[in-house]
Amino acid sequence: MKMIRRKLGLSELEVSPLALGCWQFAGGDYWGERTESSQVELVSAALDLGINFFDTAPAYGDGESERVLGVALKGRRDKAIVATKVSSVIHSADDIVKSCEESLRLLQMDFVDLLQIHWPARELPREEIAAAIGGLQKSGKVRAFGVCNYGPKDLADLLGTGLPIVSNQLPYSLLSRAIEYEILPLCRKHGISVFPYSPLLQGLLTGRWRKPDEVPIPRARTRHFRGNRPQSRHGEEGCESETFAALDAIRPIAESKAISMSDLAIAWVAAQEGVSSVIFGAGDRTQLEANIKALDVKFDESTLKALDEATAAVKAHLGANPDLWMGESRYR
């Protein structure tokens, strides 16, 4: 299937507007049991449908996600752009190199297309980070370098080393628009692609839940919900009334365009200036095909204005802190 490609930042990488998130490959309590064969079939279907971008990390199932992705891409590596990460818990340049080499072993690959730091590594001097990444690129083990969850100061500090950063993976959706205050403009200024995750905000933007108490506990931990809910860590009052009022306003907008709320939400993120590819999850080919339909959605000015107004109260309440789970932001 023919799908458009977009440049990832200032790199030579050309990626599909949707990227398959591979955290689910690890299974576990959150994702449920997954068979290796079903995930291999899912990757094959994604490639057949024109998706060439896959995002994984060592932290996803202690390497299990990487291992399964490697199995799935056997014989089709040349069709894929593979992104993985190094942990933010790194104490030296050697830790970055060792993490990358372990990822390559699990993936059964000679190189990764995009290596990202999962969270800002503030304990490690930025010059050492730049030296390690530069060495990996020179050796051919890494094609391009990106970051995840970097706020304006962390991003500016690392840019100061001259290290080319092609992407910043961030939470971004109609209900989590904090990056629009500072981070997104900075990324646009430096030609850094925003690589959004949680475009459906853990299922909220599918519209399946109409009241806060209907949302399962593991999905009701973000700052949108009261801080005294089980498993919550942020301690804030939340903005449940604003969030569900926004959902009630988004629903008729989607209906007026004869599309699902999911398609509308994914399409909106994908259409934002500076966004190259949106990370999404799927369980099977049918879900893949449904998500891909979002790329056909076109927005006129009146629809964009209506969506902005529908979500403005949530944006204002949550402010410039992009952290979905912590009131004391891990972003800076």
Protein backbone atom coordinates (compact mmCIF):
# COMPACT_ATOMS: atom_id res chain seq x y z
CA MET A 1 0.00 0.00 0.00
CA LYS A 2 1.29 3.44 -0.92
CA MET A 3 1.52 5.85 1.99
CA ILE A 4 3.05 9.29 2.08
CA ARG A 5 6.41 9.77 3.77
CA ARG A 6 7.60 12.67 5.88
CA LYS A 7 11.13 13.73 6.73
CA LEU A 8 12.12 13.09 10.33
CA GLY A 9 13.59 16.41 11.36
CA LEU A 10 16.64 17.37 9.32
CA SER A 11 17.68 13.73 8.86
CA GLU A 12 17.51 11.65 5.70
CA LEU A 13 14.96 9.33 7.29
CA GLU A 14 11.55 9.25 5.60
CA VAL A 15 8.82 7.90 7.83
CA SER A 16 5.13 7.09 7.60
CA PRO A 17 2.81 9.59 9.34
CA LEU A 18 1.86 6.81 11.75
CA ALA A 19 4.39 4.79 13.76
CA LEU A 20 3.50 1.50 15.38
CA GLY A 21 4.24 1.59 19.10
CA CYS A 22 5.79 -1.72 20.18
CA TRP A 23 5.52 -1.47 23.97
CA GLN A 24 2.52 -3.80 23.73
CA PHE A 25 4.76 -6.56 22.34
CA ALA A 26 6.03 -7.11 25.88
CA GLY A 27 2.57 -8.11 27.12
CA GLY A 28 2.21 -8.11 30.91
CA ASP A 29 -0.55 -6.89 33.23
CA TYR A 30 -1.14 -3.60 31.40
CA TRP A 31 -1.26 -4.93 27.83
CA GLY A 32 -2.46 -8.47 28.51
CA GLU A 33 -0.92 -11.64 27.17
CA ARG A 34 0.47 -11.42 23.65
CA THR A 35 1.77 -14.28 21.55
CA GLU A 36 4.92 -13.78 19.54
CA SER A 37 3.21 -15.02 16.39
CA SER A 38 0.38 -12.48 16.69
CA GLN A 39 2.85 -9.60 17.02
CA VAL A 40 4.89 -10.88 14.07
CA GLU A 41 1.68 -10.91 12.02
CA LEU A 42 0.87 -7.39 13.21
CA VAL A 43 4.24 -6.03 12.05
CA SER A 44 3.86 -7.79 8.71
CA ALA A 45 0.40 -6.27 8.25
CA ALA A 46 1.71 -2.80 9.18
CA LEU A 47 4.41 -3.04 6.52
CA ASP A 48 1.91 -4.26 3.95
CA LEU A 49 -0.34 -1.29 4.74
CA GLY A 50 2.48 1.22 4.27
CA ILE A 51 3.60 1.81 7.86
CA ASN A 52 7.40 1.74 7.98
CA PHE A 53 8.13 3.30 11.40
CA PHE A 54 8.35 1.20 14.59
CA ASP A 55 9.10 2.51 18.08
CA THR A 56 10.43 0.32 20.91
CA ALA A 57 12.67 0.58 23.98
CA PRO A 58 14.77 -1.58 26.34
CA ALA A 59 12.37 -0.65 29.15
CA TYR A 60 9.44 -2.30 27.39
CA GLY A 61 9.33 -5.71 29.02
CA ASP A 62 13.05 -5.64 29.88
CA GLY A 63 13.98 -6.02 26.22
CA GLU A 64 11.13 -8.33 25.20
CA SER A 65 9.59 -5.72 22.90
CA GLU A 66 12.89 -5.29 21.06
CA ARG A 67 13.37 -9.04 20.75
CA VAL A 68 9.91 -9.61 19.27
CA LEU A 69 10.28 -6.70 16.86
CA GLY A 70 13.59 -8.14 15.68
CA VAL A 71 11.93 -11.49 14.99
CA ALA A 72 9.06 -9.76 13.18
CA LEU A 73 11.38 -7.83 10.86
CA LYS A 74 13.51 -10.79 9.83
CA GLY A 75 13.79 -10.67 6.05
CA ARG A 76 12.09 -7.24 5.85
CA ARG A 77 14.55 -5.05 7.72
CA ASP A 78 15.11 -2.91 4.62
CA LYS A 79 11.42 -1.92 4.64
CA ALA A 80 11.46 -0.55 8.20
CA ILE A 81 12.65 2.49 10.12
CA VAL A 82 13.40 1.26 13.64
CA ALA A 83 13.51 3.58 16.65
CA THR A 84 14.66 2.46 20.07
CA LYS A 85 15.95 4.18 23.18
CA VAL A 86 18.56 4.24 25.89
CA SER A 87 17.55 4.54 29.50
CA SER A 88 17.72 7.88 31.31
CA VAL A 89 19.52 5.97 34.09
CA ILE A 90 22.93 6.27 32.49
CA HIS A 91 26.08 7.21 34.36
CA SER A 92 28.67 7.32 31.61
CA ALA A 93 29.16 7.42 27.86
CA ASP A 94 29.92 3.70 28.03
CA ASP A 95 26.41 3.07 29.39
CA ILE A 96 24.93 4.63 26.24
CA VAL A 97 27.12 2.51 24.00
CA LYS A 98 26.40 -0.68 25.95
CA SER A 99 22.65 0.01 25.90
CA CYS A 100 22.71 0.49 22.14
CA GLU A 101 24.74 -2.66 21.58
CA GLU A 102 22.38 -4.71 23.76
CA SER A 103 19.43 -3.34 21.77
CA LEU A 104 21.13 -4.35 18.52
CA ARG A 105 21.66 -7.84 19.91
CA LEU A 106 18.00 -8.21 20.87
CA LEU A 107 16.79 -6.71 17.61
CA GLN A 108 19.23 -8.88 15.65
CA MET A 109 20.27 -5.83 13.64
CA ASP A 110 23.53 -4.14 12.67
CA PHE A 111 22.12 -0.64 13.22
CA VAL A 112 19.10 1.28 14.45
CA ASP A 113 17.68 4.13 12.43
CA LEU A 114 16.83 6.33 15.42
CA LEU A 115 18.35 6.12 18.89
CA GLN A 116 16.58 8.19 21.56
CA ILE A 117 17.27 9.03 25.19
CA HIS A 118 14.13 7.96 27.03
CA TRP A 119 14.16 10.72 29.69
CA PRO A 120 16.65 13.57 30.17
CA ALA A 121 19.95 12.22 31.50
CA ARG A 122 20.82 15.20 33.68
CA GLU A 123 23.49 13.45 35.77
CA LEU A 124 25.67 12.87 32.71
CA PRO A 125 27.53 15.86 31.21
CA ARG A 126 25.99 16.78 27.89
CA GLU A 127 29.42 16.66 26.22
CA GLU A 128 29.71 12.97 27.14
CA ILE A 129 26.28 12.28 25.69
CA ALA A 130 27.29 14.01 22.46
CA ALA A 131 30.57 12.08 22.30
CA ALA A 132 28.86 8.72 22.81
CA ILE A 133 26.17 9.38 20.22
CA GLY A 134 28.73 10.76 17.78
CA GLY A 135 30.81 7.62 18.18
CA LEU A 136 27.82 5.36 17.54
CA GLN A 137 26.89 7.31 14.43
CA LYS A 138 30.45 7.23 13.14
CA SER A 139 30.59 3.46 13.63
CA GLY A 140 27.37 3.04 11.63
CA LYS A 141 25.36 1.61 14.53
CA VAL A 142 23.02 4.62 14.67
CA ARG A 143 21.71 6.62 11.74
CA ALA A 144 20.03 9.48 13.62
CA PHE A 145 19.60 10.70 17.19
CA GLY A 146 16.51 11.88 19.02
CA VAL A 147 15.28 12.53 22.53
CA CYS A 148 12.11 11.84 24.48
CA ASN A 149 10.38 14.01 27.07
CA TYR A 150 12.83 16.90 26.76
CA GLY A 151 11.58 20.28 27.93
CA PRO A 152 12.87 23.62 26.59
CA LYS A 153 15.90 23.92 28.90
CA ASP A 154 17.04 20.32 28.53
CA LEU A 155 16.61 20.55 24.78
CA ALA A 156 18.49 23.84 24.52
CA ASP A 157 21.34 22.48 26.66
CA LEU A 158 21.82 19.44 24.45
CA LEU A 159 21.52 21.51 21.26
CA GLY A 160 24.36 23.59 22.64
CA THR A 161 26.76 20.70 22.03
CA GLY A 162 26.13 20.85 18.30
CA LEU A 163 24.68 17.33 18.38
CA PRO A 164 22.05 17.04 15.63
CA ILE A 165 18.73 16.18 17.27
CA VAL A 166 16.13 15.09 14.74
CA SER A 167 13.14 14.34 16.99
CA ASN A 168 11.60 14.83 20.42
CA GLN A 169 9.08 12.19 21.51
CA LEU A 170 6.37 13.85 23.60
CA PRO A 171 2.82 13.33 24.89
CA TYR A 172 0.47 15.22 22.61
CA SER A 173 -3.25 14.97 22.01
CA LEU A 174 -6.40 17.05 21.97
CA LEU A 175 -6.51 16.61 25.76
CA SER A 176 -2.79 17.08 26.42
CA ARG A 177 -1.63 20.20 24.63
CA ALA A 178 1.01 21.46 27.07
CA ILE A 179 3.84 21.25 24.54
CA GLU A 180 2.17 24.03 22.55
CA TYR A 181 3.29 26.61 25.15
CA GLU A 182 7.07 26.28 24.82
CA ILE A 183 8.40 22.95 23.55
CA LEU A 184 6.65 22.72 20.20
CA PRO A 185 7.70 26.25 19.11
CA LEU A 186 11.32 25.47 20.08
CA CYS A 187 11.27 22.22 18.12
CA ARG A 188 9.87 23.99 15.08
CA LYS A 189 12.55 26.67 15.34
CA HIS A 190 15.35 24.08 15.21
CA GLY A 191 13.81 21.74 12.66
CA ILE A 192 13.24 19.01 15.26
CA SER A 193 10.31 16.74 14.50
CA VAL A 194 7.80 16.17 17.27
CA PHE A 195 7.14 12.44 17.59
CA PRO A 196 3.92 12.28 19.67
CA TYR A 197 2.80 9.44 21.89
CA SER A 198 -0.58 8.89 23.61
CA PRO A 199 -2.61 10.58 20.82
CA LEU A 200 -5.75 8.95 22.27
CA LEU A 201 -4.73 9.64 25.87
CA GLN A 202 -4.92 6.02 26.97
CA GLY A 203 -8.25 5.48 25.25
CA LEU A 204 -10.12 8.55 26.55
CA LEU A 205 -10.35 10.02 23.05
CA THR A 206 -12.02 6.91 21.68
CA GLY A 207 -15.14 8.17 23.45
CA ARG A 208 -15.82 4.81 25.05
CA TRP A 209 -16.20 6.35 28.54
CA ARG A 210 -18.65 9.12 29.28
CA LYS A 211 -18.02 9.58 33.01
CA PRO A 212 -14.80 9.60 35.07
CA ASP A 213 -15.83 6.65 37.22
CA GLU A 214 -16.27 4.45 34.12
CA VAL A 215 -12.56 4.68 33.31
CA PRO A 216 -10.49 1.65 34.47
CA ILE A 217 -8.04 2.35 37.30
CA PRO A 218 -4.82 1.99 35.28
CA ARG A 219 -6.12 4.56 32.78
CA ALA A 220 -7.35 7.06 35.36
CA ARG A 221 -3.95 8.03 36.76
CA THR A 222 -3.15 11.07 34.63
CA ARG A 223 -3.44 14.66 35.85
CA HIS A 224 -6.85 14.84 34.22
CA PHE A 225 -8.22 12.79 37.12
CA ARG A 226 -8.35 13.44 40.87
CA GLY A 227 -5.06 12.84 42.61
CA ASN A 228 -6.66 10.60 45.24
CA ARG A 229 -7.60 7.95 42.70
CA PRO A 230 -5.84 4.55 43.03
CA GLN A 231 -2.31 4.41 41.56
CA SER A 232 -2.28 8.17 40.99
CA ARG A 233 1.00 9.96 41.80
CA HIS A 234 0.37 13.61 40.95
CA GLY A 235 -1.56 14.77 44.05
CA GLU A 236 -3.49 17.42 42.13
CA GLU A 237 -7.22 18.13 42.04
CA GLY A 238 -7.41 17.05 38.41
CA CYS A 239 -9.80 18.44 35.84
CA GLU A 240 -12.40 15.71 35.42
CA SER A 241 -15.34 18.01 34.65
CA GLU A 242 -13.34 19.93 32.03
CA THR A 243 -12.02 16.71 30.48
CA PHE A 244 -15.40 15.08 30.07
CA ALA A 245 -16.99 18.32 28.92
CA ALA A 246 -14.31 18.42 26.22
CA LEU A 247 -15.09 14.84 25.22
CA ASP A 248 -18.78 15.70 25.03
CA ALA A 249 -17.91 18.62 22.72
CA ILE A 250 -15.55 16.58 20.53
CA ARG A 251 -18.06 13.77 19.99
CA PRO A 252 -20.54 15.76 17.80
CA ILE A 253 -17.64 17.26 15.83
CA ALA A 254 -16.55 13.75 14.89
CA GLU A 255 -20.14 12.77 14.11
CA SER A 256 -20.55 15.79 11.83
CA LYS A 257 -17.60 14.54 9.78
CA ALA A 258 -18.92 10.96 9.84
CA ILE A 259 -15.75 9.62 11.47
CA SER A 260 -14.88 8.07 14.80
CA MET A 261 -13.50 10.12 17.67
CA SER A 262 -10.32 8.03 17.44
CA ASP A 263 -9.79 8.95 13.78
CA LEU A 264 -10.48 12.59 14.53
CA ALA A 265 -8.02 12.65 17.45
CA ILE A 266 -5.20 10.92 15.56
CA ALA A 267 -5.78 13.04 12.46
CA TRP A 268 -5.64 16.23 14.50
CA VAL A 269 -2.25 15.37 15.99
CA ALA A 270 -0.86 14.22 12.63
CA ALA A 271 -1.96 17.50 11.03
CA GLN A 272 -0.07 19.76 13.46
CA GLU A 273 2.91 21.67 12.09
CA GLY A 274 6.16 20.07 13.15
CA VAL A 275 4.72 16.57 13.68
CA SER A 276 6.31 13.94 11.46
CA SER A 277 4.80 10.71 12.77
CA VAL A 278 2.30 9.77 15.49
CA ILE A 279 2.81 6.70 17.67
CA PHE A 280 -0.27 4.51 17.95
CA GLY A 281 -1.08 1.01 19.15
CA ALA A 282 -3.09 -1.73 17.49
CA GLY A 283 -4.00 -5.31 18.27
CA ASP A 284 -4.64 -6.64 14.78
CA ARG A 285 -4.90 -5.78 11.10
CA THR A 286 -8.47 -4.48 11.48
CA GLN A 287 -7.34 -1.92 14.06
CA LEU A 288 -4.39 -0.97 11.86
CA GLU A 289 -6.70 -0.29 8.94
CA ALA A 290 -9.06 1.72 11.15
CA ASN A 291 -6.23 3.93 12.43
CA ILE A 292 -4.83 4.46 8.95
CA LYS A 293 -8.20 5.89 7.88
CA ALA A 294 -7.41 8.85 10.11
CA LEU A 295 -4.90 10.01 7.51
CA ASP A 296 -7.78 10.70 5.12
CA VAL A 297 -9.34 13.26 7.44
CA LYS A 298 -9.03 16.87 6.28
CA PHE A 299 -9.60 19.85 8.54
CA ASP A 300 -11.14 23.18 7.62
CA GLU A 301 -10.65 26.29 9.71
CA SER A 302 -14.05 26.06 11.37
CA THR A 303 -13.39 22.48 12.56
CA LEU A 304 -9.96 23.40 13.90
CA LYS A 305 -11.48 26.36 15.75
CA ALA A 306 -14.22 24.16 17.21
CA LEU A 307 -11.67 21.61 18.46
CA ASP A 308 -9.52 24.35 19.96
CA GLU A 309 -12.49 25.78 21.81
CA ALA A 310 -13.63 22.34 22.95
CA THR A 311 -10.29 21.59 24.59
CA ALA A 312 -9.19 25.07 25.69
CA ALA A 313 -10.33 24.66 29.31
CA VAL A 314 -8.33 21.43 29.73
CA LYS A 315 -5.28 23.04 28.15
CA ALA A 316 -5.53 26.04 30.47
CA HIS A 317 -6.06 23.91 33.58
CA LEU A 318 -3.08 21.60 32.95
CA GLY A 319 -0.87 24.48 31.85
CA ALA A 320 2.63 24.19 30.41
CA ASN A 321 3.53 21.00 32.30
CA PRO A 322 3.48 18.17 29.72
CA ASP A 323 3.93 15.49 32.40
CA LEU A 324 0.80 13.36 32.29
CA TRP A 325 1.44 11.62 35.60
CA MET A 326 3.41 13.96 37.90
CA GLY A 327 2.37 17.31 39.34
CA GLU A 328 6.02 18.13 40.00
CA SER A 329 7.01 18.06 36.38
CA ARG A 330 9.87 15.90 35.19
CA TYR A 331 10.17 18.30 32.24
CA ARG A 332 12.27 21.42 32.39
